């Protein structure tokens, strides 16, 4: 529950920071000042909201799998790893080729 709340608060804060930046640009245009940088509070709010979004999304979306494939296959035997049922097909054109070779060699 906490990670969902952190993610939602981060997204709302990020949207608010974007809105504040747009309002600041409008204010600069209305007062005919030259734009240099955003105020520090908007930059800090953006960075904190981005950090909250990152932490909330990493915690919310669960456990990551290890990068090394050996960690996943550590308890499997070679027979289990080498078994690929999707490649096992017994109804293929090889039987017709073999039948053709048998008839031509017997003639």
N, C-alpha and C. Protein backbone atom coordinates (compact mmCIF):
# COMPACT_ATOMS: atom_id res chain seq x y z
N UNK A 1 0.82 -1.19 0.00
CA UNK A 1 0.00 0.00 0.00
C UNK A 1 0.86 1.26 0.00
N UNK A 2 1.98 1.21 0.73
CA UNK A 2 2.85 2.37 0.81
C UNK A 2 3.51 2.71 -0.52
N UNK A 3 3.86 1.67 -1.30
CA UNK A 3 4.50 1.94 -2.59
C UNK A 3 3.51 2.54 -3.58
N UNK A 4 2.23 2.16 -3.49
CA UNK A 4 1.22 2.77 -4.36
C UNK A 4 1.04 4.24 -4.02
N UNK A 5 0.99 4.52 -2.72
CA UNK A 5 0.83 5.90 -2.28
C UNK A 5 2.03 6.75 -2.69
N UNK A 6 3.23 6.19 -2.55
CA UNK A 6 4.44 6.91 -2.95
C UNK A 6 4.44 7.19 -4.45
N UNK A 7 4.01 6.23 -5.24
CA UNK A 7 3.95 6.41 -6.69
C UNK A 7 2.91 7.47 -7.07
N UNK A 8 1.76 7.43 -6.44
CA UNK A 8 0.70 8.40 -6.75
C UNK A 8 1.12 9.81 -6.34
N UNK A 9 1.70 9.93 -5.15
CA UNK A 9 2.16 11.25 -4.69
C UNK A 9 3.27 11.76 -5.61
N UNK A 10 4.17 10.88 -6.03
CA UNK A 10 5.24 11.29 -6.94
C UNK A 10 4.71 11.77 -8.27
N UNK A 11 3.71 11.07 -8.81
CA UNK A 11 3.13 11.49 -10.09
C UNK A 11 2.39 12.82 -9.98
N UNK A 12 1.66 13.00 -8.87
CA UNK A 12 0.96 14.27 -8.67
C UNK A 12 1.96 15.41 -8.50
N UNK A 13 3.03 15.15 -7.74
CA UNK A 13 4.05 16.19 -7.53
C UNK A 13 4.78 16.51 -8.83
N UNK A 14 4.99 15.50 -9.66
CA UNK A 14 5.65 15.73 -10.94
C UNK A 14 4.76 16.56 -11.87
N UNK A 15 3.46 16.26 -11.86
CA UNK A 15 2.53 17.06 -12.67
C UNK A 15 2.46 18.49 -12.14
N UNK A 16 2.49 18.66 -10.84
CA UNK A 16 2.45 20.00 -10.25
C UNK A 16 3.72 20.78 -10.59
N UNK A 17 4.85 20.11 -10.59
CA UNK A 17 6.10 20.78 -10.95
C UNK A 17 6.08 21.23 -12.41
N UNK A 18 5.54 20.42 -13.28
CA UNK A 18 5.40 20.81 -14.68
C UNK A 18 4.47 21.98 -14.86
N UNK A 19 3.36 21.97 -14.13
CA UNK A 19 2.41 23.08 -14.19
C UNK A 19 3.06 24.36 -13.64
N UNK A 20 3.83 24.23 -12.57
CA UNK A 20 4.50 25.40 -11.99
C UNK A 20 5.53 25.98 -12.96
N UNK A 21 6.23 25.10 -13.66
CA UNK A 21 7.22 25.57 -14.64
C UNK A 21 6.53 26.31 -15.78
N UNK A 22 5.39 25.80 -16.23
CA UNK A 22 4.65 26.48 -17.30
C UNK A 22 4.12 27.83 -16.82
N UNK A 23 3.62 27.89 -15.60
CA UNK A 23 3.13 29.15 -15.06
C UNK A 23 4.26 30.17 -14.88
N UNK A 24 5.44 29.68 -14.52
CA UNK A 24 6.58 30.58 -14.39
C UNK A 24 6.96 31.18 -15.74
N UNK A 25 6.91 30.36 -16.79
CA UNK A 25 7.21 30.88 -18.13
C UNK A 25 6.19 31.94 -18.56
N UNK A 26 4.93 31.71 -18.23
CA UNK A 26 3.90 32.70 -18.57
C UNK A 26 4.15 33.99 -17.80
N UNK A 27 4.50 33.88 -16.53
CA UNK A 27 4.78 35.06 -15.72
C UNK A 27 5.97 35.84 -16.29
N UNK A 28 7.00 35.14 -16.73
CA UNK A 28 8.18 35.80 -17.31
C UNK A 28 7.80 36.54 -18.59
N UNK A 29 6.95 35.94 -19.41
CA UNK A 29 6.53 36.61 -20.65
C UNK A 29 5.68 37.84 -20.36
N UNK A 30 4.80 37.74 -19.36
CA UNK A 30 3.93 38.88 -19.04
C UNK A 30 4.71 40.07 -18.48
N UNK A 31 5.73 39.79 -17.69
CA UNK A 31 6.52 40.87 -17.11
C UNK A 31 7.66 41.30 -18.02
N UNK A 32 7.74 40.67 -19.20
CA UNK A 32 8.74 40.99 -20.23
C UNK A 32 10.17 40.90 -19.70
N UNK A 33 10.41 39.91 -18.88
CA UNK A 33 11.76 39.64 -18.42
C UNK A 33 12.36 38.56 -19.31
N UNK A 34 13.67 38.45 -19.27
CA UNK A 34 14.34 37.41 -20.06
C UNK A 34 14.44 36.14 -19.21
N UNK A 35 14.09 35.02 -19.83
CA UNK A 35 14.12 33.75 -19.11
C UNK A 35 15.56 33.28 -19.00
N UNK A 36 15.97 32.94 -17.77
CA UNK A 36 17.31 32.41 -17.55
C UNK A 36 17.23 30.98 -17.04
N UNK A 37 16.68 30.77 -15.87
CA UNK A 37 16.50 29.43 -15.32
C UNK A 37 15.20 29.39 -14.55
N UNK A 38 14.79 28.17 -14.24
CA UNK A 38 13.63 28.00 -13.37
C UNK A 38 14.04 28.29 -11.93
N UNK A 39 13.08 28.68 -11.10
CA UNK A 39 13.41 28.88 -9.69
C UNK A 39 13.85 27.57 -9.03
N UNK A 40 14.62 27.69 -7.98
CA UNK A 40 15.16 26.52 -7.31
C UNK A 40 14.12 25.61 -6.70
N UNK A 41 13.01 26.17 -6.21
CA UNK A 41 11.99 25.32 -5.60
C UNK A 41 11.31 24.42 -6.63
N UNK A 42 11.15 24.89 -7.86
CA UNK A 42 10.56 24.05 -8.91
C UNK A 42 11.53 22.93 -9.29
N UNK A 43 12.81 23.25 -9.37
CA UNK A 43 13.80 22.22 -9.71
C UNK A 43 13.88 21.17 -8.61
N UNK A 44 13.88 21.60 -7.36
CA UNK A 44 13.93 20.65 -6.24
C UNK A 44 12.68 19.79 -6.21
N UNK A 45 11.52 20.41 -6.43
CA UNK A 45 10.27 19.65 -6.46
C UNK A 45 10.28 18.63 -7.58
N UNK A 46 10.79 19.00 -8.74
CA UNK A 46 10.86 18.06 -9.86
C UNK A 46 11.77 16.89 -9.53
N UNK A 47 12.93 17.14 -8.97
CA UNK A 47 13.86 16.07 -8.64
C UNK A 47 13.30 15.14 -7.56
N UNK A 48 12.67 15.72 -6.53
CA UNK A 48 12.09 14.88 -5.48
C UNK A 48 10.91 14.06 -6.00
N UNK A 49 10.10 14.65 -6.86
CA UNK A 49 8.97 13.92 -7.44
C UNK A 49 9.46 12.79 -8.34
N UNK A 50 10.52 13.07 -9.11
CA UNK A 50 11.08 12.02 -9.96
C UNK A 50 11.65 10.89 -9.13
N UNK A 51 12.33 11.20 -8.05
CA UNK A 51 12.87 10.19 -7.16
C UNK A 51 11.75 9.37 -6.51
N UNK A 52 10.68 10.04 -6.09
CA UNK A 52 9.54 9.33 -5.50
C UNK A 52 8.89 8.41 -6.52
N UNK A 53 8.77 8.85 -7.76
CA UNK A 53 8.20 8.01 -8.82
C UNK A 53 9.07 6.79 -9.09
N UNK A 54 10.37 6.99 -9.12
CA UNK A 54 11.28 5.87 -9.37
C UNK A 54 11.22 4.84 -8.26
N UNK A 55 11.29 5.29 -7.02
CA UNK A 55 11.26 4.36 -5.88
C UNK A 55 9.90 3.68 -5.79
N UNK A 56 8.82 4.42 -5.97
CA UNK A 56 7.49 3.84 -5.90
C UNK A 56 7.24 2.81 -6.98
N UNK A 57 7.70 3.08 -8.20
CA UNK A 57 7.46 2.13 -9.29
C UNK A 57 8.32 0.88 -9.14
N UNK A 58 9.54 1.02 -8.66
CA UNK A 58 10.39 -0.16 -8.46
C UNK A 58 9.82 -1.05 -7.36
N UNK A 59 9.34 -0.46 -6.29
CA UNK A 59 8.77 -1.26 -5.21
C UNK A 59 7.39 -1.80 -5.58
N UNK A 60 6.63 -1.08 -6.36
CA UNK A 60 5.27 -1.49 -6.69
C UNK A 60 5.24 -2.66 -7.67
N UNK A 61 6.13 -2.69 -8.63
CA UNK A 61 6.04 -3.69 -9.69
C UNK A 61 6.76 -4.98 -9.37
N UNK A 62 7.18 -5.16 -8.15
CA UNK A 62 7.59 -6.47 -7.68
C UNK A 62 9.05 -6.81 -7.80
N UNK A 63 9.28 -8.10 -7.66
CA UNK A 63 10.62 -8.63 -7.58
C UNK A 63 11.22 -8.78 -8.97
N UNK A 64 12.48 -8.40 -9.10
CA UNK A 64 13.18 -8.56 -10.37
C UNK A 64 13.82 -9.92 -10.43
N UNK A 65 13.96 -10.46 -11.64
CA UNK A 65 14.68 -11.71 -11.82
C UNK A 65 16.17 -11.40 -11.92
N UNK A 66 17.00 -12.32 -11.50
CA UNK A 66 18.44 -12.09 -11.61
C UNK A 66 18.88 -12.04 -13.08
N UNK A 67 19.92 -11.30 -13.33
CA UNK A 67 20.41 -11.16 -14.70
C UNK A 67 21.10 -12.43 -15.17
N UNK A 68 21.82 -13.08 -14.29
CA UNK A 68 22.55 -14.28 -14.66
C UNK A 68 21.57 -15.44 -14.83
N UNK A 69 21.64 -16.12 -15.96
CA UNK A 69 20.75 -17.23 -16.23
C UNK A 69 21.12 -18.44 -15.37
N UNK A 70 22.36 -18.50 -14.93
CA UNK A 70 22.78 -19.65 -14.11
C UNK A 70 22.06 -19.68 -12.77
N UNK A 71 21.65 -18.52 -12.26
CA UNK A 71 20.92 -18.50 -11.00
C UNK A 71 19.54 -19.15 -11.15
N UNK A 72 18.93 -19.00 -12.31
CA UNK A 72 17.62 -19.60 -12.54
C UNK A 72 17.74 -21.09 -12.86
N UNK A 73 18.82 -21.48 -13.52
CA UNK A 73 19.00 -22.87 -13.93
C UNK A 73 19.86 -23.66 -12.96
N UNK A 74 20.11 -23.15 -11.81
CA UNK A 74 21.04 -23.77 -10.87
C UNK A 74 20.53 -25.15 -10.42
N UNK A 75 19.24 -25.32 -10.22
CA UNK A 75 18.70 -26.57 -9.70
C UNK A 75 18.14 -27.46 -10.80
N UNK A 76 18.42 -27.17 -12.06
CA UNK A 76 17.89 -27.98 -13.16
C UNK A 76 18.99 -28.88 -13.72
N UNK A 77 18.59 -30.06 -14.15
CA UNK A 77 19.56 -30.99 -14.75
C UNK A 77 19.69 -30.67 -16.24
N UNK A 78 20.68 -31.27 -16.88
CA UNK A 78 20.90 -31.04 -18.30
C UNK A 78 19.74 -31.59 -19.12
N UNK A 79 19.14 -32.68 -18.67
CA UNK A 79 18.00 -33.24 -19.39
C UNK A 79 16.81 -32.27 -19.38
N UNK A 80 16.61 -31.60 -18.28
CA UNK A 80 15.52 -30.64 -18.20
C UNK A 80 15.80 -29.41 -19.06
N UNK A 81 17.03 -28.94 -19.06
CA UNK A 81 17.40 -27.76 -19.83
C UNK A 81 17.38 -28.08 -21.32
N UNK A 82 17.86 -29.25 -21.70
CA UNK A 82 17.93 -29.62 -23.11
C UNK A 82 16.60 -30.02 -23.70
N UNK A 83 15.60 -30.27 -22.89
CA UNK A 83 14.30 -30.68 -23.38
C UNK A 83 13.53 -29.47 -23.88
N UNK A 84 13.26 -29.45 -25.16
CA UNK A 84 12.52 -28.34 -25.76
C UNK A 84 11.30 -28.91 -26.49
N UNK A 85 10.18 -29.05 -25.81
CA UNK A 85 9.02 -29.66 -26.45
C UNK A 85 8.47 -28.88 -27.63
N UNK A 86 8.74 -27.60 -27.69
CA UNK A 86 8.22 -26.83 -28.82
C UNK A 86 8.92 -27.20 -30.13
N UNK A 87 10.13 -27.77 -30.04
CA UNK A 87 10.84 -28.17 -31.24
C UNK A 87 10.59 -29.64 -31.61
N UNK A 88 9.90 -30.37 -30.76
CA UNK A 88 9.63 -31.77 -31.04
C UNK A 88 8.41 -31.87 -31.96
N UNK A 89 8.66 -32.24 -33.18
CA UNK A 89 7.57 -32.47 -34.11
C UNK A 89 7.86 -33.78 -34.84
N UNK A 90 6.85 -34.62 -34.88
CA UNK A 90 7.04 -35.93 -35.48
C UNK A 90 6.31 -36.06 -36.80
N UNK A 91 5.55 -35.07 -37.15
CA UNK A 91 4.84 -35.10 -38.41
C UNK A 91 5.49 -34.07 -39.33
N UNK A 92 6.56 -34.47 -40.00
CA UNK A 92 7.27 -33.56 -40.88
C UNK A 92 7.57 -34.28 -42.20
N UNK A 93 8.17 -33.59 -43.13
CA UNK A 93 8.38 -34.14 -44.47
C UNK A 93 9.55 -35.10 -44.55
N UNK A 94 10.25 -35.29 -43.47
CA UNK A 94 11.37 -36.23 -43.49
C UNK A 94 10.94 -37.66 -43.77
N UNK A 95 9.75 -38.04 -43.32
CA UNK A 95 9.28 -39.41 -43.57
C UNK A 95 9.03 -39.64 -45.06
N UNK A 96 8.58 -38.62 -45.78
CA UNK A 96 8.38 -38.76 -47.22
C UNK A 96 9.72 -38.83 -47.94
N UNK A 97 10.70 -38.06 -47.49
CA UNK A 97 12.03 -38.11 -48.07
C UNK A 97 12.66 -39.47 -47.83
N UNK A 98 12.50 -40.00 -46.65
CA UNK A 98 13.06 -41.31 -46.33
C UNK A 98 12.38 -42.39 -47.15
N UNK A 99 11.06 -42.29 -47.36
CA UNK A 99 10.34 -43.27 -48.16
C UNK A 99 10.82 -43.20 -49.62
N UNK A 100 11.09 -41.96 -50.09
CA UNK A 100 11.60 -41.81 -51.45
C UNK A 100 12.99 -42.43 -51.58
N UNK A 101 13.83 -42.27 -50.59
CA UNK A 101 15.17 -42.87 -50.62
C UNK A 101 15.11 -44.38 -50.54
N UNK A 102 14.16 -44.94 -49.80
CA UNK A 102 14.03 -46.38 -49.71
C UNK A 102 13.58 -46.97 -51.04
N UNK A 103 12.64 -46.33 -51.73
CA UNK A 103 12.16 -46.86 -52.99
C UNK A 103 13.19 -46.74 -54.08
N UNK A 104 14.01 -45.67 -54.06
CA UNK A 104 15.02 -45.50 -55.11
C UNK A 104 16.21 -46.43 -54.87
N UNK A 105 16.53 -46.73 -53.63
CA UNK A 105 17.67 -47.61 -53.37
C UNK A 105 17.30 -49.07 -53.61
N UNK A 106 16.03 -49.44 -53.47
CA UNK A 106 15.64 -50.83 -53.69
C UNK A 106 15.48 -51.12 -55.17
N UNK A 107 15.34 -50.09 -56.02
CA UNK A 107 15.16 -50.32 -57.46
C UNK A 107 16.46 -50.57 -58.15
